[in-house]
Amino acid sequence: MAEEKKEAAKVEEKAPAKKVVKAEKKSGPLIYVGPTMKGTLLRTFKIFADGIPEEYKNNAIIRGLFVPPEKLNAARAEIGKKGSALNVFYGKVDESLKGGK
């Protein structure tokens, strides 16, 4: 589990200095749309009833991969759209999990 937390920390280090996506809501039920991170709470499409878990609130990239249920279909489409914010965030997490740059 420590290794996965290090991977999440690597993702945070690579986060852009400016805020790319401003979320409308980050409390209440949210769905994580990023890649599954073994050994953590983060599983693709897992629902978090009380918003973003505390350990990920300061990680700009991972935080950007939480969406409200009503935005799930749009988020899935955006992940597939090259260059979109969610596509970039998903790619950064996925790259860090594979031991990328």
N, C-alpha and C. Protein backbone atom coordinates (compact mmCIF):
# COMPACT_ATOMS: atom_id res chain seq x y z
N MET A 1 0.82 -1.19 0.00
CA MET A 1 0.00 0.00 0.00
C MET A 1 0.87 1.25 0.00
N ALA A 2 2.02 1.19 0.61
CA ALA A 2 2.92 2.34 0.64
C ALA A 2 3.37 2.72 -0.76
N GLU A 3 3.57 1.71 -1.60
CA GLU A 3 4.01 1.97 -2.98
C GLU A 3 2.92 2.73 -3.76
N GLU A 4 1.66 2.37 -3.55
CA GLU A 4 0.58 3.05 -4.24
C GLU A 4 0.47 4.50 -3.78
N LYS A 5 0.71 4.73 -2.49
CA LYS A 5 0.67 6.11 -1.99
C LYS A 5 1.82 6.91 -2.59
N LYS A 6 2.97 6.26 -2.79
CA LYS A 6 4.08 6.94 -3.44
C LYS A 6 3.71 7.30 -4.87
N GLU A 7 3.01 6.39 -5.56
CA GLU A 7 2.58 6.66 -6.93
C GLU A 7 1.62 7.84 -6.94
N ALA A 8 0.70 7.88 -5.99
CA ALA A 8 -0.23 9.01 -5.91
C ALA A 8 0.53 10.30 -5.63
N ALA A 9 1.57 10.22 -4.82
CA ALA A 9 2.39 11.40 -4.53
C ALA A 9 3.12 11.86 -5.78
N LYS A 10 3.60 10.91 -6.59
CA LYS A 10 4.27 11.26 -7.85
C LYS A 10 3.32 12.01 -8.76
N VAL A 11 2.07 11.57 -8.81
CA VAL A 11 1.07 12.24 -9.63
C VAL A 11 0.90 13.67 -9.14
N GLU A 12 0.87 13.85 -7.83
CA GLU A 12 0.71 15.20 -7.26
C GLU A 12 1.87 16.09 -7.64
N GLU A 13 3.10 15.56 -7.61
CA GLU A 13 4.27 16.35 -7.95
C GLU A 13 4.20 16.87 -9.37
N LYS A 14 3.59 16.12 -10.25
CA LYS A 14 3.52 16.49 -11.66
C LYS A 14 2.31 17.35 -11.97
N ALA A 15 1.50 17.66 -10.98
CA ALA A 15 0.30 18.44 -11.20
C ALA A 15 0.65 19.83 -11.71
N PRO A 16 -0.14 20.33 -12.64
CA PRO A 16 0.12 21.67 -13.15
C PRO A 16 -0.05 22.71 -12.05
N ALA A 17 0.70 23.79 -12.15
CA ALA A 17 0.67 24.83 -11.13
C ALA A 17 -0.69 25.53 -11.11
N LYS A 18 -1.29 25.71 -12.29
CA LYS A 18 -2.58 26.38 -12.33
C LYS A 18 -3.71 25.36 -12.26
N LYS A 19 -4.85 25.80 -11.82
CA LYS A 19 -6.00 24.92 -11.71
C LYS A 19 -6.63 24.77 -13.09
N VAL A 20 -6.70 23.56 -13.58
CA VAL A 20 -7.20 23.31 -14.92
C VAL A 20 -8.71 23.16 -14.93
N VAL A 21 -9.24 22.39 -14.02
CA VAL A 21 -10.67 22.12 -14.00
C VAL A 21 -11.25 22.61 -12.69
N LYS A 22 -12.29 23.39 -12.78
CA LYS A 22 -12.97 23.84 -11.57
C LYS A 22 -14.23 22.99 -11.42
N ALA A 23 -14.23 22.18 -10.41
CA ALA A 23 -15.37 21.30 -10.19
C ALA A 23 -16.53 22.07 -9.61
N GLU A 24 -17.72 21.70 -10.06
CA GLU A 24 -18.92 22.35 -9.55
C GLU A 24 -19.20 21.92 -8.12
N LYS A 25 -18.98 20.63 -7.86
CA LYS A 25 -19.31 20.10 -6.54
C LYS A 25 -18.29 19.03 -6.18
N LYS A 26 -17.77 19.09 -4.98
CA LYS A 26 -16.81 18.08 -4.55
C LYS A 26 -17.21 17.49 -3.21
N SER A 27 -18.49 17.53 -2.91
CA SER A 27 -19.00 16.85 -1.72
C SER A 27 -20.27 16.12 -2.13
N GLY A 28 -20.79 15.32 -1.22
CA GLY A 28 -21.93 14.48 -1.59
C GLY A 28 -21.44 13.33 -2.43
N PRO A 29 -22.32 12.58 -3.06
CA PRO A 29 -21.88 11.42 -3.83
C PRO A 29 -21.05 11.82 -5.05
N LEU A 30 -19.89 11.21 -5.18
CA LEU A 30 -19.01 11.44 -6.32
C LEU A 30 -18.52 10.09 -6.83
N ILE A 31 -18.20 10.04 -8.11
CA ILE A 31 -17.70 8.82 -8.72
C ILE A 31 -16.29 9.07 -9.20
N TYR A 32 -15.38 8.16 -8.86
CA TYR A 32 -14.00 8.23 -9.32
C TYR A 32 -13.96 7.63 -10.72
N VAL A 33 -13.50 8.41 -11.71
CA VAL A 33 -13.47 7.97 -13.10
C VAL A 33 -12.06 7.68 -13.61
N GLY A 34 -11.08 7.72 -12.73
CA GLY A 34 -9.70 7.44 -13.11
C GLY A 34 -9.40 5.95 -13.13
N PRO A 35 -8.16 5.61 -13.46
CA PRO A 35 -7.79 4.19 -13.48
C PRO A 35 -7.72 3.63 -12.06
N THR A 36 -7.96 2.34 -11.95
CA THR A 36 -7.89 1.67 -10.65
C THR A 36 -6.46 1.71 -10.13
N MET A 37 -6.32 2.06 -8.86
CA MET A 37 -5.02 2.09 -8.21
C MET A 37 -5.03 1.01 -7.14
N LYS A 38 -4.44 -0.14 -7.45
CA LYS A 38 -4.44 -1.27 -6.52
C LYS A 38 -3.84 -0.87 -5.18
N GLY A 39 -4.41 -1.40 -4.13
CA GLY A 39 -3.93 -1.12 -2.79
C GLY A 39 -4.43 0.19 -2.22
N THR A 40 -5.34 0.86 -2.93
CA THR A 40 -5.92 2.12 -2.46
C THR A 40 -7.44 1.99 -2.51
N LEU A 41 -8.12 3.04 -2.13
CA LEU A 41 -9.57 3.09 -2.23
C LEU A 41 -10.04 3.31 -3.66
N LEU A 42 -9.14 3.73 -4.53
CA LEU A 42 -9.53 4.18 -5.87
C LEU A 42 -9.69 3.04 -6.86
N ARG A 43 -10.95 2.82 -7.24
CA ARG A 43 -11.32 1.84 -8.26
C ARG A 43 -12.15 2.59 -9.29
N THR A 44 -11.96 2.29 -10.55
CA THR A 44 -12.72 2.96 -11.61
C THR A 44 -14.22 2.82 -11.35
N PHE A 45 -14.91 3.93 -11.40
CA PHE A 45 -16.35 4.05 -11.21
C PHE A 45 -16.84 3.72 -9.80
N LYS A 46 -15.94 3.76 -8.83
CA LYS A 46 -16.36 3.56 -7.44
C LYS A 46 -17.07 4.83 -6.96
N ILE A 47 -18.15 4.64 -6.25
CA ILE A 47 -18.93 5.76 -5.73
C ILE A 47 -18.49 6.05 -4.30
N PHE A 48 -18.26 7.33 -4.02
CA PHE A 48 -17.90 7.79 -2.69
C PHE A 48 -19.05 8.67 -2.20
N ALA A 49 -19.80 8.16 -1.24
CA ALA A 49 -21.01 8.83 -0.77
C ALA A 49 -20.75 10.20 -0.15
N ASP A 50 -19.59 10.37 0.48
CA ASP A 50 -19.31 11.62 1.19
C ASP A 50 -18.26 12.48 0.48
N GLY A 51 -18.17 12.39 -0.81
CA GLY A 51 -17.21 13.21 -1.56
C GLY A 51 -15.84 12.56 -1.62
N ILE A 52 -14.86 13.37 -1.94
CA ILE A 52 -13.49 12.90 -2.11
C ILE A 52 -12.91 12.46 -0.77
N PRO A 53 -12.31 11.27 -0.72
CA PRO A 53 -11.67 10.84 0.53
C PRO A 53 -10.58 11.83 0.94
N GLU A 54 -10.45 12.02 2.22
CA GLU A 54 -9.52 13.01 2.78
C GLU A 54 -8.10 12.89 2.22
N GLU A 55 -7.59 11.65 2.05
CA GLU A 55 -6.21 11.48 1.60
C GLU A 55 -5.96 11.92 0.17
N TYR A 56 -7.03 12.20 -0.60
CA TYR A 56 -6.85 12.63 -1.99
C TYR A 56 -7.27 14.07 -2.24
N LYS A 57 -7.77 14.75 -1.23
CA LYS A 57 -8.26 16.11 -1.40
C LYS A 57 -7.18 17.11 -1.82
N ASN A 58 -5.93 16.86 -1.47
CA ASN A 58 -4.85 17.78 -1.82
C ASN A 58 -4.13 17.39 -3.10
N ASN A 59 -4.58 16.35 -3.77
CA ASN A 59 -3.97 15.90 -5.01
C ASN A 59 -4.81 16.44 -6.16
N ALA A 60 -4.33 17.48 -6.82
CA ALA A 60 -5.10 18.18 -7.85
C ALA A 60 -5.51 17.26 -9.00
N ILE A 61 -4.65 16.36 -9.40
CA ILE A 61 -4.98 15.49 -10.53
C ILE A 61 -6.02 14.46 -10.13
N ILE A 62 -5.79 13.77 -9.03
CA ILE A 62 -6.76 12.75 -8.60
C ILE A 62 -8.08 13.42 -8.25
N ARG A 63 -8.04 14.55 -7.60
CA ARG A 63 -9.26 15.28 -7.24
C ARG A 63 -10.08 15.60 -8.49
N GLY A 64 -9.41 15.88 -9.60
CA GLY A 64 -10.11 16.19 -10.85
C GLY A 64 -10.80 15.00 -11.49
N LEU A 65 -10.51 13.80 -10.99
CA LEU A 65 -11.10 12.58 -11.55
C LEU A 65 -12.34 12.12 -10.77
N PHE A 66 -12.86 12.97 -9.92
CA PHE A 66 -14.10 12.69 -9.21
C PHE A 66 -15.20 13.55 -9.83
N VAL A 67 -16.30 12.92 -10.19
CA VAL A 67 -17.41 13.64 -10.81
C VAL A 67 -18.72 13.28 -10.14
N PRO A 68 -19.68 14.20 -10.16
CA PRO A 68 -21.00 13.86 -9.62
C PRO A 68 -21.69 12.84 -10.53
N PRO A 69 -22.57 12.02 -9.99
CA PRO A 69 -23.23 10.99 -10.79
C PRO A 69 -23.90 11.52 -12.06
N GLU A 70 -24.49 12.69 -11.99
CA GLU A 70 -25.20 13.24 -13.15
C GLU A 70 -24.24 13.65 -14.29
N LYS A 71 -22.96 13.71 -14.00
CA LYS A 71 -21.96 14.08 -15.01
C LYS A 71 -21.15 12.87 -15.50
N LEU A 72 -21.51 11.66 -15.05
CA LEU A 72 -20.73 10.48 -15.38
C LEU A 72 -20.61 10.23 -16.88
N ASN A 73 -21.72 10.28 -17.60
CA ASN A 73 -21.66 10.02 -19.04
C ASN A 73 -20.80 11.05 -19.77
N ALA A 74 -20.93 12.31 -19.40
CA ALA A 74 -20.12 13.36 -20.02
C ALA A 74 -18.64 13.16 -19.67
N ALA A 75 -18.35 12.76 -18.44
CA ALA A 75 -16.97 12.53 -18.02
C ALA A 75 -16.35 11.37 -18.79
N ARG A 76 -17.11 10.31 -18.98
CA ARG A 76 -16.60 9.16 -19.74
C ARG A 76 -16.26 9.58 -21.17
N ALA A 77 -17.12 10.40 -21.76
CA ALA A 77 -16.86 10.88 -23.12
C ALA A 77 -15.62 11.78 -23.14
N GLU A 78 -15.48 12.63 -22.13
CA GLU A 78 -14.33 13.54 -22.06
C GLU A 78 -13.02 12.79 -21.87
N ILE A 79 -13.04 11.72 -21.11
CA ILE A 79 -11.82 10.92 -20.92
C ILE A 79 -11.33 10.39 -22.27
N GLY A 80 -12.25 10.06 -23.15
CA GLY A 80 -11.88 9.54 -24.46
C GLY A 80 -11.49 10.61 -25.47
N LYS A 81 -11.65 11.87 -25.10
CA LYS A 81 -11.36 12.98 -26.02
C LYS A 81 -9.94 13.48 -25.76
N LYS A 82 -9.05 13.20 -26.70
CA LYS A 82 -7.64 13.55 -26.54
C LYS A 82 -7.46 15.05 -26.27
N GLY A 83 -6.66 15.32 -25.24
CA GLY A 83 -6.34 16.70 -24.87
C GLY A 83 -7.29 17.34 -23.89
N SER A 84 -8.43 16.68 -23.59
CA SER A 84 -9.35 17.26 -22.62
C SER A 84 -8.74 17.14 -21.23
N ALA A 85 -9.25 17.91 -20.30
CA ALA A 85 -8.71 17.91 -18.94
C ALA A 85 -8.78 16.51 -18.32
N LEU A 86 -9.93 15.85 -18.41
CA LEU A 86 -10.05 14.52 -17.82
C LEU A 86 -9.16 13.51 -18.52
N ASN A 87 -8.99 13.65 -19.82
CA ASN A 87 -8.09 12.77 -20.57
C ASN A 87 -6.66 12.93 -20.09
N VAL A 88 -6.25 14.15 -19.86
CA VAL A 88 -4.88 14.43 -19.39
C VAL A 88 -4.70 13.90 -17.97
N PHE A 89 -5.66 14.16 -17.09
CA PHE A 89 -5.57 13.68 -15.71
C PHE A 89 -5.52 12.15 -15.69
N TYR A 90 -6.40 11.52 -16.44
CA TYR A 90 -6.43 10.05 -16.50
C TYR A 90 -5.08 9.53 -16.98
N GLY A 91 -4.55 10.15 -18.03
CA GLY A 91 -3.26 9.73 -18.58
C GLY A 91 -2.12 9.88 -17.60
N LYS A 92 -2.11 10.96 -16.82
CA LYS A 92 -1.04 11.16 -15.84
C LYS A 92 -1.08 10.10 -14.75
N VAL A 93 -2.27 9.76 -14.28
CA VAL A 93 -2.39 8.73 -13.26
C VAL A 93 -1.99 7.38 -13.84
N ASP A 94 -2.50 7.08 -15.02
CA ASP A 94 -2.20 5.81 -15.67
C ASP A 94 -0.69 5.68 -15.92
N GLU A 95 -0.06 6.75 -16.37
CA GLU A 95 1.38 6.74 -16.63
C GLU A 95 2.17 6.49 -15.34
N SER A 96 1.75 7.12 -14.26
CA SER A 96 2.47 6.93 -12.99
C SER A 96 2.31 5.49 -12.48
N LEU A 97 1.16 4.88 -12.73
CA LEU A 97 0.95 3.50 -12.31
C LEU A 97 1.82 2.52 -13.09
N LYS A 98 2.13 2.88 -14.32
CA LYS A 98 2.97 2.03 -15.17
C LYS A 98 4.43 2.33 -14.99
N GLY A 99 4.77 3.24 -14.09
CA GLY A 99 6.17 3.57 -13.83
C GLY A 99 6.74 4.53 -14.85
N GLY A 100 5.87 5.32 -15.47
CA GLY A 100 6.31 6.28 -16.47
C GLY A 100 7.02 7.46 -15.87
N LYS A 101 7.26 8.45 -16.68
CA LYS A 101 8.00 9.65 -16.29
C LYS A 101 7.42 10.33 -15.10
